[in-house]
Amino acid sequence: MSHSNPTDTHAAHAAQMTQALRAHDPDAQVHIDADSGQLSVATVLSESEVLSVLQQIGVEAAVADEKPRHGSGGCCGSCGG
């Protein structure tokens, strides 16, 4: 019996979402916070376009009410915060 590592699962989901988004924006970047499960996307696509692409691959997502907080990680520079 094998058990999937949550980090591996997050990486696999991020890779799937990145591939789908890069079909529309070759420079799109996706990150899933391992602790919160929050998805961060850096892309030129609009919020509605991102949600539509993710929905097409079976991912239910919604726009966060606030900017992500950068705890122990560094700033990616995409939010200007």
PDB file of N, CA and C in Angstrom:
ATOM      1  N   MET A   1       0.853  -1.177   0.000  1.00  0.00           N
ATOM      2  CA  MET A   1       0.000   0.000   0.000  1.00  0.00           C
ATOM      3  C   MET A   1       0.894   1.234   0.000  1.00  0.00           C
ATOM      4  N   SER A   2       0.501   2.235  -0.742  1.00  0.00           N
ATOM      5  CA  SER A   2       1.277   3.462  -0.757  1.00  0.00           C
ATOM      6  C   SER A   2       0.382   4.629  -0.372  1.00  0.00           C
ATOM      7  N   HIS A   3       1.003   5.613   0.209  1.00  0.00           N
ATOM      8  CA  HIS A   3       0.303   6.833   0.610  1.00  0.00           C
ATOM      9  C   HIS A   3       0.953   7.989  -0.123  1.00  0.00           C
ATOM     10  N   SER A   4       0.135   8.876  -0.649  1.00  0.00           N
ATOM     11  CA  SER A   4       0.708  10.023  -1.339  1.00  0.00           C
ATOM     12  C   SER A   4       1.122  11.078  -0.329  1.00  0.00           C
ATOM     13  N   ASN A   5       2.233  11.678  -0.586  1.00  0.00           N
ATOM     14  CA  ASN A   5       2.760  12.754   0.233  1.00  0.00           C
ATOM     15  C   ASN A   5       1.994  14.026  -0.144  1.00  0.00           C
ATOM     16  N   PRO A   6       1.450  14.764   0.839  1.00  0.00           N
ATOM     17  CA  PRO A   6       0.697  15.988   0.496  1.00  0.00           C
ATOM     18  C   PRO A   6       1.508  16.965  -0.338  1.00  0.00           C
ATOM     19  N   THR A   7       2.826  17.040  -0.083  1.00  0.00           N
ATOM     20  CA  THR A   7       3.666  17.941  -0.867  1.00  0.00           C
ATOM     21  C   THR A   7       3.693  17.496  -2.320  1.00  0.00           C
ATOM     22  N   ASP A   8       3.790  16.169  -2.545  1.00  0.00           N
ATOM     23  CA  ASP A   8       3.767  15.649  -3.912  1.00  0.00           C
ATOM     24  C   ASP A   8       2.431  15.947  -4.585  1.00  0.00           C
ATOM     25  N   THR A   9       1.343  15.814  -3.827  1.00  0.00           N
ATOM     26  CA  THR A   9       0.012  16.086  -4.367  1.00  0.00           C
ATOM     27  C   THR A   9      -0.115  17.548  -4.765  1.00  0.00           C
ATOM     28  N   HIS A  10       0.356  18.463  -3.897  1.00  0.00           N
ATOM     29  CA  HIS A  10       0.315  19.896  -4.216  1.00  0.00           C
ATOM     30  C   HIS A  10       1.143  20.171  -5.465  1.00  0.00           C
ATOM     31  N   ALA A  11       2.311  19.553  -5.562  1.00  0.00           N
ATOM     32  CA  ALA A  11       3.181  19.768  -6.723  1.00  0.00           C
ATOM     33  C   ALA A  11       2.513  19.266  -7.997  1.00  0.00           C
ATOM     34  N   ALA A  12       1.851  18.119  -7.913  1.00  0.00           N
ATOM     35  CA  ALA A  12       1.169  17.568  -9.089  1.00  0.00           C
ATOM     36  C   ALA A  12       0.019  18.469  -9.524  1.00  0.00           C
ATOM     37  N   HIS A  13      -0.760  18.969  -8.557  1.00  0.00           N
ATOM     38  CA  HIS A  13      -1.858  19.877  -8.895  1.00  0.00           C
ATOM     39  C   HIS A  13      -1.328  21.177  -9.477  1.00  0.00           C
ATOM     40  N   ALA A  14      -0.252  21.706  -8.887  1.00  0.00           N
ATOM     41  CA  ALA A  14       0.340  22.945  -9.397  1.00  0.00           C
ATOM     42  C   ALA A  14       0.825  22.746 -10.823  1.00  0.00           C
ATOM     43  N   ALA A  15       1.439  21.599 -11.094  1.00  0.00           N
ATOM     44  CA  ALA A  15       1.934  21.320 -12.441  1.00  0.00           C
ATOM     45  C   ALA A  15       0.778  21.243 -13.439  1.00  0.00           C
ATOM     46  N   GLN A  16      -0.309  20.595 -13.048  1.00  0.00           N
ATOM     47  CA  GLN A  16      -1.478  20.477 -13.929  1.00  0.00           C
ATOM     48  C   GLN A  16      -2.073  21.855 -14.216  1.00  0.00           C
ATOM     49  N   MET A  17      -2.209  22.667 -13.171  1.00  0.00           N
ATOM     50  CA  MET A  17      -2.783  23.999 -13.357  1.00  0.00           C
ATOM     51  C   MET A  17      -1.853  24.891 -14.164  1.00  0.00           C
ATOM     52  N   THR A  18      -0.546  24.786 -13.912  1.00  0.00           N
ATOM     53  CA  THR A  18       0.425  25.574 -14.663  1.00  0.00           C
ATOM     54  C   THR A  18       0.353  25.232 -16.143  1.00  0.00           C
ATOM     55  N   GLN A  19       0.294  23.955 -16.462  1.00  0.00           N
ATOM     56  CA  GLN A  19       0.212  23.521 -17.853  1.00  0.00           C
ATOM     57  C   GLN A  19      -1.036  24.086 -18.531  1.00  0.00           C
ATOM     58  N   ALA A  20      -2.165  24.025 -17.835  1.00  0.00           N
ATOM     59  CA  ALA A  20      -3.421  24.530 -18.405  1.00  0.00           C
ATOM     60  C   ALA A  20      -3.357  26.043 -18.616  1.00  0.00           C
ATOM     61  N   LEU A  21      -2.823  26.770 -17.640  1.00  0.00           N
ATOM     62  CA  LEU A  21      -2.751  28.224 -17.758  1.00  0.00           C
ATOM     63  C   LEU A  21      -1.736  28.653 -18.801  1.00  0.00           C
ATOM     64  N   ARG A  22      -0.628  27.904 -18.916  1.00  0.00           N
ATOM     65  CA  ARG A  22       0.407  28.268 -19.892  1.00  0.00           C
ATOM     66  C   ARG A  22      -0.052  28.063 -21.339  1.00  0.00           C
ATOM     67  N   ALA A  23      -1.116  27.331 -21.536  1.00  0.00           N
ATOM     68  CA  ALA A  23      -1.686  27.231 -22.880  1.00  0.00           C
ATOM     69  C   ALA A  23      -2.226  28.591 -23.322  1.00  0.00           C
ATOM     70  N   HIS A  24      -2.542  29.458 -22.341  1.00  0.00           N
ATOM     71  CA  HIS A  24      -3.091  30.791 -22.606  1.00  0.00           C
ATOM     72  C   HIS A  24      -2.090  31.898 -22.305  1.00  0.00           C
ATOM     73  N   ASP A  25      -1.146  31.625 -21.388  1.00  0.00           N
ATOM     74  CA  ASP A  25      -0.103  32.578 -21.002  1.00  0.00           C
ATOM     75  C   ASP A  25       1.169  31.771 -20.732  1.00  0.00           C
ATOM     76  N   PRO A  26       2.098  31.758 -21.689  1.00  0.00           N
ATOM     77  CA  PRO A  26       3.306  30.934 -21.556  1.00  0.00           C
ATOM     78  C   PRO A  26       4.150  31.234 -20.319  1.00  0.00           C
ATOM     79  N   ASP A  27       3.983  32.401 -19.710  1.00  0.00           N
ATOM     80  CA  ASP A  27       4.770  32.768 -18.534  1.00  0.00           C
ATOM     81  C   ASP A  27       4.016  32.599 -17.215  1.00  0.00           C
ATOM     82  N   ALA A  28       2.834  32.019 -17.253  1.00  0.00           N
ATOM     83  CA  ALA A  28       2.031  31.848 -16.032  1.00  0.00           C
ATOM     84  C   ALA A  28       2.793  31.025 -15.000  1.00  0.00           C
ATOM     85  N   GLN A  29       2.641  31.408 -13.734  1.00  0.00           N
ATOM     86  CA  GLN A  29       3.259  30.688 -12.624  1.00  0.00           C
ATOM     87  C   GLN A  29       2.193  30.376 -11.596  1.00  0.00           C
ATOM     88  N   VAL A  30       2.269  29.170 -11.019  1.00  0.00           N
ATOM     89  CA  VAL A  30       1.295  28.721 -10.032  1.00  0.00           C
ATOM     90  C   VAL A  30       2.031  28.224  -8.804  1.00  0.00           C
ATOM     91  N   HIS A  31       1.515  28.595  -7.640  1.00  0.00           N
ATOM     92  CA  HIS A  31       2.067  28.115  -6.370  1.00  0.00           C
ATOM     93  C   HIS A  31       0.909  27.750  -5.449  1.00  0.00           C
ATOM     94  N   ILE A  32       1.016  26.594  -4.800  1.00  0.00           N
ATOM     95  CA  ILE A  32       0.032  26.202  -3.796  1.00  0.00           C
ATOM     96  C   ILE A  32       0.726  26.186  -2.449  1.00  0.00           C
ATOM     97  N   ASP A  33       0.225  26.970  -1.507  1.00  0.00           N
ATOM     98  CA  ASP A  33       0.774  26.993  -0.157  1.00  0.00           C
ATOM     99  C   ASP A  33       0.462  25.658   0.516  1.00  0.00           C
ATOM    100  N   ALA A  34       1.496  24.948   0.948  1.00  0.00           N
ATOM    101  CA  ALA A  34       1.325  23.612   1.525  1.00  0.00           C
ATOM    102  C   ALA A  34       0.513  23.647   2.815  1.00  0.00           C
ATOM    103  N   ASP A  35       0.606  24.725   3.579  1.00  0.00           N
ATOM    104  CA  ASP A  35      -0.103  24.804   4.861  1.00  0.00           C
ATOM    105  C   ASP A  35      -1.579  25.150   4.690  1.00  0.00           C
ATOM    106  N   SER A  36      -1.854  26.157   3.874  1.00  0.00           N
ATOM    107  CA  SER A  36      -3.234  26.635   3.753  1.00  0.00           C
ATOM    108  C   SER A  36      -3.969  26.051   2.548  1.00  0.00           C
ATOM    109  N   GLY A  37      -3.213  25.555   1.573  1.00  0.00           N
ATOM    110  CA  GLY A  37      -3.828  25.078   0.344  1.00  0.00           C
ATOM    111  C   GLY A  37      -4.212  26.213  -0.591  1.00  0.00           C
ATOM    112  N   GLN A  38      -3.846  27.453  -0.225  1.00  0.00           N
ATOM    113  CA  GLN A  38      -4.201  28.610  -1.044  1.00  0.00           C
ATOM    114  C   GLN A  38      -3.373  28.625  -2.318  1.00  0.00           C
ATOM    115  N   LEU A  39      -4.036  28.898  -3.411  1.00  0.00           N
ATOM    116  CA  LEU A  39      -3.423  28.947  -4.731  1.00  0.00           C
ATOM    117  C   LEU A  39      -3.054  30.388  -5.055  1.00  0.00           C
ATOM    118  N   SER A  40      -1.831  30.589  -5.533  1.00  0.00           N
ATOM    119  CA  SER A  40      -1.396  31.894  -6.016  1.00  0.00           C
ATOM    120  C   SER A  40      -1.049  31.742  -7.487  1.00  0.00           C
ATOM    121  N   VAL A  41      -1.540  32.655  -8.299  1.00  0.00           N
ATOM    122  CA  VAL A  41      -1.292  32.597  -9.738  1.00  0.00           C
ATOM    123  C   VAL A  41      -0.735  33.934 -10.188  1.00  0.00           C
ATOM    124  N   ALA A  42       0.382  33.882 -10.917  1.00  0.00           N
ATOM    125  CA  ALA A  42       0.955  35.076 -11.537  1.00  0.00           C
ATOM    126  C   ALA A  42       0.773  34.916 -13.039  1.00  0.00           C
ATOM    127  N   THR A  43      -0.044  35.782 -13.629  1.00  0.00           N
ATOM    128  CA  THR A  43      -0.370  35.660 -15.046  1.00  0.00           C
ATOM    129  C   THR A  43      -0.878  36.986 -15.578  1.00  0.00           C
ATOM    130  N   VAL A  44      -0.873  37.108 -16.896  1.00  0.00           N
ATOM    131  CA  VAL A  44      -1.462  38.282 -17.538  1.00  0.00           C
ATOM    132  C   VAL A  44      -2.957  38.079 -17.762  1.00  0.00           C
ATOM    133  N   LEU A  45      -3.449  36.875 -17.520  1.00  0.00           N
ATOM    134  CA  LEU A  45      -4.877  36.590 -17.692  1.00  0.00           C
ATOM    135  C   LEU A  45      -5.698  37.310 -16.631  1.00  0.00           C
ATOM    136  N   SER A  46      -6.922  37.616 -16.953  1.00  0.00           N
ATOM    137  CA  SER A  46      -7.823  38.234 -15.977  1.00  0.00           C
ATOM    138  C   SER A  46      -8.270  37.180 -14.961  1.00  0.00           C
ATOM    139  N   GLU A  47      -8.811  37.635 -13.851  1.00  0.00           N
ATOM    140  CA  GLU A  47      -9.320  36.701 -12.833  1.00  0.00           C
ATOM    141  C   GLU A  47     -10.353  35.749 -13.433  1.00  0.00           C
ATOM    142  N   SER A  48     -11.261  36.290 -14.235  1.00  0.00           N
ATOM    143  CA  SER A  48     -12.305  35.437 -14.806  1.00  0.00           C
ATOM    144  C   SER A  48     -11.718  34.426 -15.786  1.00  0.00           C
ATOM    145  N   GLU A  49     -10.683  34.813 -16.512  1.00  0.00           N
ATOM    146  CA  GLU A  49     -10.038  33.869 -17.431  1.00  0.00           C
ATOM    147  C   GLU A  49      -9.344  32.745 -16.657  1.00  0.00           C
ATOM    148  N   VAL A  50      -8.665  33.091 -15.574  1.00  0.00           N
ATOM    149  CA  VAL A  50      -7.996  32.080 -14.739  1.00  0.00           C
ATOM    150  C   VAL A  50      -9.030  31.109 -14.187  1.00  0.00           C
ATOM    151  N   LEU A  51     -10.107  31.641 -13.640  1.00  0.00           N
ATOM    152  CA  LEU A  51     -11.151  30.780 -13.077  1.00  0.00           C
ATOM    153  C   LEU A  51     -11.748  29.870 -14.143  1.00  0.00           C
ATOM    154  N   SER A  52     -11.940  30.386 -15.343  1.00  0.00           N
ATOM    155  CA  SER A  52     -12.491  29.588 -16.432  1.00  0.00           C
ATOM    156  C   SER A  52     -11.544  28.451 -16.824  1.00  0.00           C
ATOM    157  N   VAL A  53     -10.255  28.747 -16.960  1.00  0.00           N
ATOM    158  CA  VAL A  53      -9.271  27.720 -17.314  1.00  0.00           C
ATOM    159  C   VAL A  53      -9.232  26.640 -16.237  1.00  0.00           C
ATOM    160  N   LEU A  54      -9.211  27.062 -14.975  1.00  0.00           N
ATOM    161  CA  LEU A  54      -9.155  26.091 -13.875  1.00  0.00           C
ATOM    162  C   LEU A  54     -10.425  25.245 -13.836  1.00  0.00           C
ATOM    163  N   GLN A  55     -11.558  25.869 -14.075  1.00  0.00           N
ATOM    164  CA  GLN A  55     -12.823  25.131 -14.087  1.00  0.00           C
ATOM    165  C   GLN A  55     -12.822  24.074 -15.191  1.00  0.00           C
ATOM    166  N   GLN A  56     -12.233  24.391 -16.324  1.00  0.00           N
ATOM    167  CA  GLN A  56     -12.174  23.451 -17.447  1.00  0.00           C
ATOM    168  C   GLN A  56     -11.388  22.184 -17.110  1.00  0.00           C
ATOM    169  N   ILE A  57     -10.454  22.274 -16.142  1.00  0.00           N
ATOM    170  CA  ILE A  57      -9.691  21.087 -15.754  1.00  0.00           C
ATOM    171  C   ILE A  57     -10.200  20.502 -14.429  1.00  0.00           C
ATOM    172  N   GLY A  58     -11.365  20.967 -13.995  1.00  0.00           N
ATOM    173  CA  GLY A  58     -11.998  20.390 -12.822  1.00  0.00           C
ATOM    174  C   GLY A  58     -11.575  20.966 -11.489  1.00  0.00           C
ATOM    175  N   VAL A  59     -10.959  22.137 -11.504  1.00  0.00           N
ATOM    176  CA  VAL A  59     -10.519  22.782 -10.265  1.00  0.00           C
ATOM    177  C   VAL A  59     -11.530  23.852  -9.873  1.00  0.00           C
ATOM    178  N   GLU A  60     -12.070  23.729  -8.672  1.00  0.00           N
ATOM    179  CA  GLU A  60     -12.973  24.757  -8.157  1.00  0.00           C
ATOM    180  C   GLU A  60     -12.140  25.789  -7.421  1.00  0.00           C
ATOM    181  N   ALA A  61     -12.220  27.022  -7.853  1.00  0.00           N
ATOM    182  CA  ALA A  61     -11.429  28.093  -7.250  1.00  0.00           C
ATOM    183  C   ALA A  61     -12.267  29.352  -7.167  1.00  0.00           C
ATOM    184  N   ALA A  62     -11.867  30.221  -6.272  1.00  0.00           N
ATOM    185  CA  ALA A  62     -12.507  31.524  -6.123  1.00  0.00           C
ATOM    186  C   ALA A  62     -11.415  32.538  -5.803  1.00  0.00           C
ATOM    187  N   VAL A  63     -11.669  33.779  -6.130  1.00  0.00           N
ATOM    188  CA  VAL A  63     -10.719  34.840  -5.856  1.00  0.00           C
ATOM    189  C   VAL A  63     -10.718  35.116  -4.360  1.00  0.00           C
ATOM    190  N   ALA A  64      -9.518  35.203  -3.783  1.00  0.00           N
ATOM    191  CA  ALA A  64      -9.375  35.475  -2.351  1.00  0.00           C
ATOM    192  C   ALA A  64      -9.814  36.902  -2.053  1.00  0.00           C
ATOM    193  N   ASP A  65     -10.327  37.097  -0.854  1.00  0.00           N
ATOM    194  CA  ASP A  65     -10.767  38.424  -0.434  1.00  0.00           C
ATOM    195  C   ASP A  65      -9.616  39.372  -0.153  1.00  0.00           C
ATOM    196  N   GLU A  66      -8.447  38.815   0.143  1.00  0.00           N
ATOM    197  CA  GLU A  66      -7.305  39.659   0.476  1.00  0.00           C
ATOM    198  C   GLU A  66      -6.056  39.104  -0.172  1.00  0.00           C
ATOM    199  N   LYS A  67      -5.011  39.937  -0.193  1.00  0.00           N
ATOM    200  CA  LYS A  67      -3.740  39.513  -0.749  1.00  0.00           C
ATOM    201  C   LYS A  67      -3.148  38.409   0.118  1.00  0.00           C
ATOM    202  N   PRO A  68      -2.400  37.492  -0.491  1.00  0.00           N
ATOM    203  CA  PRO A  68      -1.745  36.458   0.304  1.00  0.00           C
ATOM    204  C   PRO A  68      -0.705  37.076   1.219  1.00  0.00           C
ATOM    205  N   ARG A  69      -0.523  36.470   2.364  1.00  0.00           N
ATOM    206  CA  ARG A  69       0.479  36.951   3.307  1.00  0.00           C
ATOM    207  C   ARG A  69       1.716  36.097   3.156  1.00  0.00           C
ATOM    208  N   HIS A  70       2.838  36.744   3.044  1.00  0.00           N
ATOM    209  CA  HIS A  70       4.090  36.019   2.880  1.00  0.00           C
ATOM    210  C   HIS A  70       4.694  35.797   4.259  1.00  0.00           C
ATOM    211  N   GLY A  71       4.510  34.610   4.788  1.00  0.00           N
ATOM    212  CA  GLY A  71       5.046  34.268   6.101  1.00  0.00           C
ATOM    213  C   GLY A  71       6.524  34.019   6.045  1.00  0.00           C
ATOM    214  N   SER A  72       6.923  32.769   6.172  1.00  0.00           N
ATOM    215  CA  SER A  72       8.330  32.428   6.201  1.00  0.00           C
ATOM    216  C   SER A  72       8.952  32.459   4.815  1.00  0.00           C
ATOM    217  N   GLY A  73       8.125  32.457   3.781  1.00  0.00           N
ATOM    218  CA  GLY A  73       8.647  32.481   2.416  1.00  0.00           C
ATOM    219  C   GLY A  73       9.009  33.891   1.992  1.00  0.00           C
ATOM    220  N   GLY A  74       9.704  33.998   0.899  1.00  0.00           N
ATOM    221  CA  GLY A  74      10.068  35.296   0.391  1.00  0.00           C
ATOM    222  C   GLY A  74       8.985  35.878  -0.483  1.00  0.00           C
ATOM    223  N   CYS A  75       9.174  37.093  -0.873  1.00  0.00           N
ATOM    224  CA  CYS A  75       8.212  37.760  -1.728  1.00  0.00           C
ATOM    225  C   CYS A  75       8.455  37.360  -3.168  1.00  0.00           C
ATOM    226  N   CYS A  76       7.391  37.023  -3.862  1.00  0.00           N
ATOM    227  CA  CYS A  76       7.521  36.651  -5.272  1.00  0.00           C
ATOM    228  C   CYS A  76       7.481  37.878  -6.152  1.00  0.00           C
ATOM    229  N   GLY A  77       7.050  39.017  -5.596  1.00  0.00           N
ATOM    230  CA  GLY A  77       7.012  40.256  -6.341  1.00  0.00           C
ATOM    231  C   GLY A  77       5.753  40.491  -7.146  1.00  0.00           C
ATOM    232  N   SER A  78       4.849  39.499  -7.191  1.00  0.00           N
ATOM    233  CA  SER A  78       3.684  39.641  -8.064  1.00  0.00           C
ATOM    234  C   SER A  78       2.574  40.501  -7.487  1.00  0.00           C
ATOM    235  N   CYS A  79       2.499  40.641  -6.184  1.00  0.00           N
ATOM    236  CA  CYS A  79       1.373  41.383  -5.607  1.00  0.00           C
ATOM    237  C   CYS A  79       1.762  42.810  -5.215  1.00  0.00           C
ATOM    238  N   GLY A  80       3.043  43.125  -5.248  1.00  0.00           N
ATOM    239  CA  GLY A  80       3.486  44.456  -4.890  1.00  0.00           C
ATOM    240  C   GLY A  80       3.418  44.728  -3.406  1.00  0.00           C
ATOM    241  N   GLY A  81       3.191  43.679  -2.601  1.00  0.00           N
ATOM    242  CA  GLY A  81       3.071  43.862  -1.148  1.00  0.00           C
ATOM    243  C   GLY A  81       4.293  43.555  -0.376  1.00  0.00           C
TER     244      GLY A  81
END
